[in-house]
PDB file of all heavy atoms in Angstrom:
ATOM      1  N   ASN A   1      10.743   4.416  12.731  1.00  0.00           N
ATOM      2  CA  ASN A   1      10.345   4.079  14.019  1.00  0.00           C
ATOM      3  C   ASN A   1      10.596   2.598  14.340  1.00  0.00           C
ATOM      4  O   ASN A   1      10.384   2.171  15.537  1.00  0.00           O
ATOM      5  CB  ASN A   1       8.778   4.355  14.252  1.00  0.00           C
ATOM      6  CG  ASN A   1       8.602   5.862  14.368  1.00  0.00           C
ATOM      7  OD1 ASN A   1       9.515   6.685  14.591  1.00  0.00           O
ATOM      8  ND2 ASN A   1       7.329   6.205  14.159  1.00  0.00           N
ATOM      9  N   THR A   2      10.915   1.835  13.390  1.00  0.00           N
ATOM     10  CA  THR A   2      11.101   0.347  13.588  1.00  0.00           C
ATOM     11  C   THR A   2      12.398  -0.135  13.008  1.00  0.00           C
ATOM     12  O   THR A   2      13.040   0.575  12.220  1.00  0.00           O
ATOM     13  CB  THR A   2       9.958  -0.498  13.014  1.00  0.00           C
ATOM     14  OG1 THR A   2       9.934  -0.231  11.575  1.00  0.00           O
ATOM     15  CG2 THR A   2       8.650  -0.021  13.529  1.00  0.00           C
ATOM     16  N   GLN A   3      12.794  -1.309  13.360  1.00  0.00           N
ATOM     17  CA  GLN A   3      13.964  -1.977  12.806  1.00  0.00           C
ATOM     18  C   GLN A   3      13.576  -3.162  12.051  1.00  0.00           C
ATOM     19  O   GLN A   3      14.244  -4.248  12.294  1.00  0.00           O
ATOM     20  CB  GLN A   3      14.956  -2.269  13.978  1.00  0.00           C
ATOM     21  CG  GLN A   3      15.487  -1.062  14.723  1.00  0.00           C
ATOM     22  CD  GLN A   3      16.270  -0.128  13.829  1.00  0.00           C
ATOM     23  OE1 GLN A   3      16.991  -0.583  13.042  1.00  0.00           O
ATOM     24  NE2 GLN A   3      16.075   1.208  14.055  1.00  0.00           N
ATOM     25  N   GLN A   4      12.599  -3.105  11.196  1.00  0.00           N
ATOM     26  CA  GLN A   4      12.183  -4.159  10.341  1.00  0.00           C
ATOM     27  C   GLN A   4      11.797  -5.390  11.109  1.00  0.00           C
ATOM     28  O   GLN A   4      12.141  -6.538  10.869  1.00  0.00           O
ATOM     29  CB  GLN A   4      13.287  -4.534   9.268  1.00  0.00           C
ATOM     30  CG  GLN A   4      13.634  -3.442   8.304  1.00  0.00           C
ATOM     31  CD  GLN A   4      12.355  -3.114   7.439  1.00  0.00           C
ATOM     32  OE1 GLN A   4      11.544  -3.904   7.333  1.00  0.00           O
ATOM     33  NE2 GLN A   4      12.477  -2.004   6.822  1.00  0.00           N
ATOM     34  N   CYS A   5      11.098  -5.163  12.222  1.00  0.00           N
ATOM     35  CA  CYS A   5      10.576  -6.389  12.943  1.00  0.00           C
ATOM     36  C   CYS A   5       9.298  -6.813  12.365  1.00  0.00           C
ATOM     37  O   CYS A   5       8.897  -6.258  11.385  1.00  0.00           O
ATOM     38  CB  CYS A   5      10.332  -5.899  14.436  1.00  0.00           C
ATOM     39  SG  CYS A   5       9.155  -4.616  14.684  1.00  0.00           S
ATOM     40  N   CYS A   6       8.667  -7.789  12.961  1.00  0.00           N
ATOM     41  CA  CYS A   6       7.448  -8.313  12.368  1.00  0.00           C
ATOM     42  C   CYS A   6       6.329  -7.223  12.281  1.00  0.00           C
ATOM     43  O   CYS A   6       5.678  -7.198  11.324  1.00  0.00           O
ATOM     44  CB  CYS A   6       6.944  -9.500  13.290  1.00  0.00           C
ATOM     45  SG  CYS A   6       8.099 -10.955  13.168  1.00  0.00           S
ATOM     46  N   GLN A   7       6.302  -6.389  13.318  1.00  0.00           N
ATOM     47  CA  GLN A   7       5.318  -5.370  13.326  1.00  0.00           C
ATOM     48  C   GLN A   7       5.540  -4.402  12.152  1.00  0.00           C
ATOM     49  O   GLN A   7       4.649  -3.968  11.499  1.00  0.00           O
ATOM     50  CB  GLN A   7       5.383  -4.538  14.632  1.00  0.00           C
ATOM     51  CG  GLN A   7       4.240  -3.374  14.739  1.00  0.00           C
ATOM     52  CD  GLN A   7       4.389  -2.720  16.012  1.00  0.00           C
ATOM     53  OE1 GLN A   7       5.183  -2.914  16.816  1.00  0.00           O
ATOM     54  NE2 GLN A   7       3.487  -1.770  16.225  1.00  0.00           N
ATOM     55  N   SER A   8       6.744  -4.071  11.864  1.00  0.00           N
ATOM     56  CA  SER A   8       7.107  -3.222  10.740  1.00  0.00           C
ATOM     57  C   SER A   8       6.627  -3.882   9.436  1.00  0.00           C
ATOM     58  O   SER A   8       6.026  -3.147   8.538  1.00  0.00           O
ATOM     59  CB  SER A   8       8.581  -3.003  10.717  1.00  0.00           C
ATOM     60  OG  SER A   8       8.920  -2.263   9.472  1.00  0.00           O
ATOM     61  N   ALA A   9       6.866  -5.112   9.275  1.00  0.00           N
ATOM     62  CA  ALA A   9       6.391  -5.772   8.020  1.00  0.00           C
ATOM     63  C   ALA A   9       4.875  -5.719   7.901  1.00  0.00           C
ATOM     64  O   ALA A   9       4.277  -5.521   6.812  1.00  0.00           O
ATOM     65  CB  ALA A   9       6.775  -7.273   8.015  1.00  0.00           C
ATOM     66  N   GLU A  10       4.173  -5.841   9.007  1.00  0.00           N
ATOM     67  CA  GLU A  10       2.783  -5.832   9.047  1.00  0.00           C
ATOM     68  C   GLU A  10       2.211  -4.448   8.667  1.00  0.00           C
ATOM     69  O   GLU A  10       1.254  -4.316   7.845  1.00  0.00           O
ATOM     70  CB  GLU A  10       2.150  -6.259  10.425  1.00  0.00           C
ATOM     71  CG  GLU A  10       0.639  -6.199  10.506  1.00  0.00           C
ATOM     72  CD  GLU A  10       0.105  -6.651  11.845  1.00  0.00           C
ATOM     73  OE1 GLU A  10       0.848  -7.377  12.612  1.00  0.00           O
ATOM     74  OE2 GLU A  10      -0.980  -6.206  12.177  1.00  0.00           O
ATOM     75  N   GLU A  11       2.779  -3.403   9.197  1.00  0.00           N
ATOM     76  CA  GLU A  11       2.471  -2.019   8.859  1.00  0.00           C
ATOM     77  C   GLU A  11       2.761  -1.659   7.459  1.00  0.00           C
ATOM     78  O   GLU A  11       1.969  -0.999   6.813  1.00  0.00           O
ATOM     79  CB  GLU A  11       3.077  -0.996   9.884  1.00  0.00           C
ATOM     80  CG  GLU A  11       2.600  -1.151  11.311  1.00  0.00           C
ATOM     81  CD  GLU A  11       1.082  -0.937  11.419  1.00  0.00           C
ATOM     82  OE1 GLU A  11       0.504  -0.075  10.850  1.00  0.00           O
ATOM     83  OE2 GLU A  11       0.461  -1.805  12.094  1.00  0.00           O
ATOM     84  N   SER A  12       3.926  -2.150   6.929  1.00  0.00           N
ATOM     85  CA  SER A  12       4.217  -1.869   5.589  1.00  0.00           C
ATOM     86  C   SER A  12       3.300  -2.494   4.639  1.00  0.00           C
ATOM     87  O   SER A  12       2.967  -2.027   3.586  1.00  0.00           O
ATOM     88  CB  SER A  12       5.747  -2.332   5.338  1.00  0.00           C
ATOM     89  OG  SER A  12       6.641  -1.670   6.120  1.00  0.00           O
ATOM     90  N   GLU A  13       2.884  -3.735   4.991  1.00  0.00           N
ATOM     91  CA  GLU A  13       1.873  -4.471   4.160  1.00  0.00           C
ATOM     92  C   GLU A  13       0.614  -3.739   4.071  1.00  0.00           C
ATOM     93  O   GLU A  13      -0.078  -3.686   3.059  1.00  0.00           O
ATOM     94  CB  GLU A  13       1.706  -5.886   4.613  1.00  0.00           C
ATOM     95  CG  GLU A  13       1.025  -6.756   3.624  1.00  0.00           C
ATOM     96  CD  GLU A  13       1.008  -8.241   4.031  1.00  0.00           C
ATOM     97  OE1 GLU A  13       1.560  -8.566   5.141  1.00  0.00           O
ATOM     98  OE2 GLU A  13       0.550  -9.038   3.243  1.00  0.00           O
ATOM     99  N   LYS A  14       0.182  -3.144   5.146  1.00  0.00           N
ATOM    100  CA  LYS A  14      -1.077  -2.289   5.172  1.00  0.00           C
ATOM    101  C   LYS A  14      -0.973  -1.229   4.273  1.00  0.00           C
ATOM    102  O   LYS A  14      -1.920  -0.757   3.622  1.00  0.00           O
ATOM    103  CB  LYS A  14      -1.365  -1.788   6.603  1.00  0.00           C
ATOM    104  CG  LYS A  14      -1.800  -2.809   7.596  1.00  0.00           C
ATOM    105  CD  LYS A  14      -2.104  -2.324   9.028  1.00  0.00           C
ATOM    106  CE  LYS A  14      -2.554  -3.404   9.966  1.00  0.00           C
ATOM    107  NZ  LYS A  14      -2.814  -2.796  11.286  1.00  0.00           N
ATOM    108  N   ILE A  15       0.207  -0.498   4.185  1.00  0.00           N
ATOM    109  CA  ILE A  15       0.435   0.621   3.274  1.00  0.00           C
ATOM    110  C   ILE A  15       0.462   0.172   1.870  1.00  0.00           C
ATOM    111  O   ILE A  15      -0.141   0.791   0.937  1.00  0.00           O
ATOM    112  CB  ILE A  15       1.786   1.322   3.628  1.00  0.00           C
ATOM    113  CG1 ILE A  15       1.702   2.005   5.019  1.00  0.00           C
ATOM    114  CG2 ILE A  15       2.083   2.439   2.531  1.00  0.00           C
ATOM    115  CD1 ILE A  15       2.986   2.485   5.637  1.00  0.00           C
ATOM    116  N   LEU A  16       1.008  -1.055   1.615  1.00  0.00           N
ATOM    117  CA  LEU A  16       0.946  -1.559   0.273  1.00  0.00           C
ATOM    118  C   LEU A  16      -0.482  -1.880  -0.161  1.00  0.00           C
ATOM    119  O   LEU A  16      -0.861  -1.628  -1.267  1.00  0.00           O
ATOM    120  CB  LEU A  16       1.827  -2.956   0.167  1.00  0.00           C
ATOM    121  CG  LEU A  16       3.292  -2.736   0.081  1.00  0.00           C
ATOM    122  CD1 LEU A  16       3.983  -4.142   0.294  1.00  0.00           C
ATOM    123  CD2 LEU A  16       3.704  -2.179  -1.202  1.00  0.00           C
ATOM    124  N   LEU A  17      -1.304  -2.362   0.754  1.00  0.00           N
ATOM    125  CA  LEU A  17      -2.703  -2.618   0.475  1.00  0.00           C
ATOM    126  C   LEU A  17      -3.426  -1.412   0.169  1.00  0.00           C
ATOM    127  O   LEU A  17      -4.277  -1.347  -0.698  1.00  0.00           O
ATOM    128  CB  LEU A  17      -3.339  -3.408   1.668  1.00  0.00           C
ATOM    129  CG  LEU A  17      -4.684  -3.919   1.439  1.00  0.00           C
ATOM    130  CD1 LEU A  17      -4.851  -4.780   0.231  1.00  0.00           C
ATOM    131  CD2 LEU A  17      -5.146  -4.641   2.734  1.00  0.00           C
ATOM    132  N   SER A  18      -3.087  -0.350   0.872  1.00  0.00           N
ATOM    133  CA  SER A  18      -3.698   0.952   0.646  1.00  0.00           C
ATOM    134  C   SER A  18      -3.410   1.463  -0.733  1.00  0.00           C
ATOM    135  O   SER A  18      -4.297   1.930  -1.478  1.00  0.00           O
ATOM    136  CB  SER A  18      -3.311   1.996   1.750  1.00  0.00           C
ATOM    137  OG  SER A  18      -3.636   1.590   3.024  1.00  0.00           O
ATOM    138  N   TYR A  19      -2.146   1.347  -1.141  1.00  0.00           N
ATOM    139  CA  TYR A  19      -1.691   1.695  -2.470  1.00  0.00           C
ATOM    140  C   TYR A  19      -2.478   0.903  -3.530  1.00  0.00           C
ATOM    141  O   TYR A  19      -2.893   1.354  -4.658  1.00  0.00           O
ATOM    142  CB  TYR A  19      -0.225   1.640  -2.696  1.00  0.00           C
ATOM    143  CG  TYR A  19       0.570   2.830  -2.367  1.00  0.00           C
ATOM    144  CD1 TYR A  19       1.599   2.724  -1.438  1.00  0.00           C
ATOM    145  CD2 TYR A  19       0.314   4.046  -2.850  1.00  0.00           C
ATOM    146  CE1 TYR A  19       2.360   3.896  -1.083  1.00  0.00           C
ATOM    147  CE2 TYR A  19       1.073   5.206  -2.567  1.00  0.00           C
ATOM    148  CZ  TYR A  19       2.091   5.138  -1.698  1.00  0.00           C
ATOM    149  OH  TYR A  19       2.771   6.202  -1.392  1.00  0.00           O
ATOM    150  N   GLN A  20      -2.631  -0.448  -3.245  1.00  0.00           N
ATOM    151  CA  GLN A  20      -3.308  -1.334  -4.205  1.00  0.00           C
ATOM    152  C   GLN A  20      -4.756  -0.876  -4.376  1.00  0.00           C
ATOM    153  O   GLN A  20      -5.204  -0.871  -5.466  1.00  0.00           O
ATOM    154  CB  GLN A  20      -3.209  -2.750  -3.715  1.00  0.00           C
ATOM    155  CG  GLN A  20      -3.762  -3.746  -4.713  1.00  0.00           C
ATOM    156  CD  GLN A  20      -3.564  -5.202  -4.203  1.00  0.00           C
ATOM    157  OE1 GLN A  20      -3.477  -5.437  -3.088  1.00  0.00           O
ATOM    158  NE2 GLN A  20      -3.613  -6.133  -5.189  1.00  0.00           N
ATOM    159  N   MET A  21      -5.389  -0.517  -3.251  1.00  0.00           N
ATOM    160  CA  MET A  21      -6.744  -0.059  -3.394  1.00  0.00           C
ATOM    161  C   MET A  21      -6.883   1.166  -4.277  1.00  0.00           C
ATOM    162  O   MET A  21      -7.753   1.329  -5.115  1.00  0.00           O
ATOM    163  CB  MET A  21      -7.294   0.233  -1.996  1.00  0.00           C
ATOM    164  CG  MET A  21      -7.445  -0.921  -1.066  1.00  0.00           C
ATOM    165  SD  MET A  21      -8.680  -2.159  -1.678  1.00  0.00           S
ATOM    166  CE  MET A  21     -10.141  -1.259  -1.443  1.00  0.00           C
ATOM    167  N   LEU A  22      -5.919   2.085  -4.035  1.00  0.00           N
ATOM    168  CA  LEU A  22      -5.883   3.348  -4.803  1.00  0.00           C
ATOM    169  C   LEU A  22      -5.670   3.016  -6.324  1.00  0.00           C
ATOM    170  O   LEU A  22      -6.310   3.640  -7.170  1.00  0.00           O
ATOM    171  CB  LEU A  22      -4.872   4.273  -4.283  1.00  0.00           C
ATOM    172  CG  LEU A  22      -4.827   5.658  -4.988  1.00  0.00           C
ATOM    173  CD1 LEU A  22      -6.152   6.364  -4.950  1.00  0.00           C
ATOM    174  CD2 LEU A  22      -3.747   6.564  -4.318  1.00  0.00           C
ATOM    175  N   THR A  23      -4.754   2.181  -6.580  1.00  0.00           N
ATOM    176  CA  THR A  23      -4.461   1.844  -8.039  1.00  0.00           C
ATOM    177  C   THR A  23      -5.674   1.157  -8.638  1.00  0.00           C
ATOM    178  O   THR A  23      -5.849   1.336  -9.901  1.00  0.00           O
ATOM    179  CB  THR A  23      -3.196   0.955  -8.122  1.00  0.00           C
ATOM    180  OG1 THR A  23      -3.361  -0.260  -7.341  1.00  0.00           O
ATOM    181  CG2 THR A  23      -2.035   1.660  -7.769  1.00  0.00           C
ATOM    182  N   GLN A  24      -6.457   0.383  -7.934  1.00  0.00           N
ATOM    183  CA  GLN A  24      -7.603  -0.217  -8.464  1.00  0.00           C
ATOM    184  C   GLN A  24      -8.657   0.791  -8.874  1.00  0.00           C
ATOM    185  O   GLN A  24      -9.442   0.670  -9.837  1.00  0.00           O
ATOM    186  CB  GLN A  24      -8.270  -1.166  -7.462  1.00  0.00           C
ATOM    187  CG  GLN A  24      -7.611  -2.497  -7.302  1.00  0.00           C
ATOM    188  CD  GLN A  24      -8.292  -3.418  -6.321  1.00  0.00           C
ATOM    189  OE1 GLN A  24      -8.016  -3.415  -5.140  1.00  0.00           O
ATOM    190  NE2 GLN A  24      -9.274  -4.180  -6.751  1.00  0.00           N
ATOM    191  N   VAL A  25      -8.671   1.916  -8.178  1.00  0.00           N
ATOM    192  CA  VAL A  25      -9.550   3.013  -8.537  1.00  0.00           C
ATOM    193  C   VAL A  25      -9.046   3.762  -9.722  1.00  0.00           C
ATOM    194  O   VAL A  25      -9.859   4.135 -10.664  1.00  0.00           O
ATOM    195  CB  VAL A  25      -9.687   4.020  -7.354  1.00  0.00           C
ATOM    196  CG1 VAL A  25     -10.502   5.210  -7.782  1.00  0.00           C
ATOM    197  CG2 VAL A  25     -10.361   3.305  -6.139  1.00  0.00           C
ATOM    198  N   LEU A  26      -7.763   3.918  -9.852  1.00  0.00           N
ATOM    199  CA  LEU A  26      -7.141   4.703 -10.883  1.00  0.00           C
ATOM    200  C   LEU A  26      -7.040   4.000 -12.180  1.00  0.00           C
ATOM    201  O   LEU A  26      -7.012   4.586 -13.215  1.00  0.00           O
ATOM    202  CB  LEU A  26      -5.729   5.151 -10.474  1.00  0.00           C
ATOM    203  CG  LEU A  26      -5.705   6.074  -9.253  1.00  0.00           C
ATOM    204  CD1 LEU A  26      -4.229   6.462  -8.948  1.00  0.00           C
ATOM    205  CD2 LEU A  26      -6.508   7.356  -9.467  1.00  0.00           C
ATOM    206  N   LEU A  27      -6.903   2.712 -12.187  1.00  0.00           N
ATOM    207  CA  LEU A  27      -6.527   1.857 -13.375  1.00  0.00           C
ATOM    208  C   LEU A  27      -7.491   2.112 -14.490  1.00  0.00           C
ATOM    209  O   LEU A  27      -7.033   2.252 -15.738  1.00  0.00           O
ATOM    210  CB  LEU A  27      -6.451   0.358 -13.010  1.00  0.00           C
ATOM    211  CG  LEU A  27      -6.035  -0.601 -14.127  1.00  0.00           C
ATOM    212  CD1 LEU A  27      -4.565  -0.156 -14.599  1.00  0.00           C
ATOM    213  CD2 LEU A  27      -5.893  -2.016 -13.649  1.00  0.00           C
ATOM    214  N   PRO A  28      -8.841   2.140 -14.352  1.00  0.00           N
ATOM    215  CA  PRO A  28      -9.731   2.292 -15.436  1.00  0.00           C
ATOM    216  C   PRO A  28      -9.701   3.770 -16.041  1.00  0.00           C
ATOM    217  O   PRO A  28     -10.256   3.954 -17.093  1.00  0.00           O
ATOM    218  CB  PRO A  28     -11.085   1.962 -14.827  1.00  0.00           C
ATOM    219  CG  PRO A  28     -10.817   1.301 -13.581  1.00  0.00           C
ATOM    220  CD  PRO A  28      -9.593   1.900 -13.102  1.00  0.00           C
ATOM    221  N   GLU A  29      -9.107   4.747 -15.333  1.00  0.00           N
ATOM    222  CA  GLU A  29      -9.159   6.077 -15.755  1.00  0.00           C
ATOM    223  C   GLU A  29      -7.851   6.446 -16.442  1.00  0.00           C
ATOM    224  O   GLU A  29      -6.777   6.725 -15.770  1.00  0.00           O
ATOM    225  CB  GLU A  29      -9.412   6.986 -14.486  1.00  0.00           C
ATOM    226  CG  GLU A  29     -10.676   6.642 -13.703  1.00  0.00           C
ATOM    227  CD  GLU A  29     -11.933   7.008 -14.528  1.00  0.00           C
ATOM    228  OE1 GLU A  29     -11.851   7.857 -15.390  1.00  0.00           O
ATOM    229  OE2 GLU A  29     -12.937   6.358 -14.222  1.00  0.00           O
ATOM    230  N   SER A  30      -7.831   6.486 -17.688  1.00  0.00           N
ATOM    231  CA  SER A  30      -6.566   6.738 -18.506  1.00  0.00           C
ATOM    232  C   SER A  30      -5.972   8.124 -18.216  1.00  0.00           C
ATOM    233  O   SER A  30      -4.770   8.427 -18.259  1.00  0.00           O
ATOM    234  CB  SER A  30      -6.833   6.673 -20.004  1.00  0.00           C
ATOM    235  OG  SER A  30      -7.857   7.520 -20.444  1.00  0.00           O
ATOM    236  N   SER A  31      -6.850   9.150 -17.810  1.00  0.00           N
ATOM    237  CA  SER A  31      -6.399  10.489 -17.561  1.00  0.00           C
ATOM    238  C   SER A  31      -5.619  10.517 -16.295  1.00  0.00           C
ATOM    239  O   SER A  31      -4.804  11.494 -16.082  1.00  0.00           O
ATOM    240  CB  SER A  31      -7.643  11.413 -17.378  1.00  0.00           C
ATOM    241  OG  SER A  31      -8.505  11.054 -16.338  1.00  0.00           O
ATOM    242  N   TYR A  32      -5.658   9.492 -15.461  1.00  0.00           N
ATOM    243  CA  TYR A  32      -4.916   9.414 -14.217  1.00  0.00           C
ATOM    244  C   TYR A  32      -3.678   8.450 -14.260  1.00  0.00           C
ATOM    245  O   TYR A  32      -3.140   8.080 -13.281  1.00  0.00           O
ATOM    246  CB  TYR A  32      -5.736   9.109 -13.094  1.00  0.00           C
ATOM    247  CG  TYR A  32      -6.725  10.151 -12.630  1.00  0.00           C
ATOM    248  CD1 TYR A  32      -8.102   9.839 -12.546  1.00  0.00           C
ATOM    249  CD2 TYR A  32      -6.285  11.448 -12.392  1.00  0.00           C
ATOM    250  CE1 TYR A  32      -9.054  10.829 -12.197  1.00  0.00           C
ATOM    251  CE2 TYR A  32      -7.214  12.386 -11.943  1.00  0.00           C
ATOM    252  CZ  TYR A  32      -8.618  12.110 -11.899  1.00  0.00           C
ATOM    253  OH  TYR A  32      -9.519  13.064 -11.517  1.00  0.00           O
TER     254      TYR A  32
END
């Protein structure tokens, strides 16, 4: 939907932050 404008970078960073939150939950759990 975007051509890598500033808005695209902002939305992509939000998704990276979401992944980071999930990895923080998963990191202590070796089974995951």
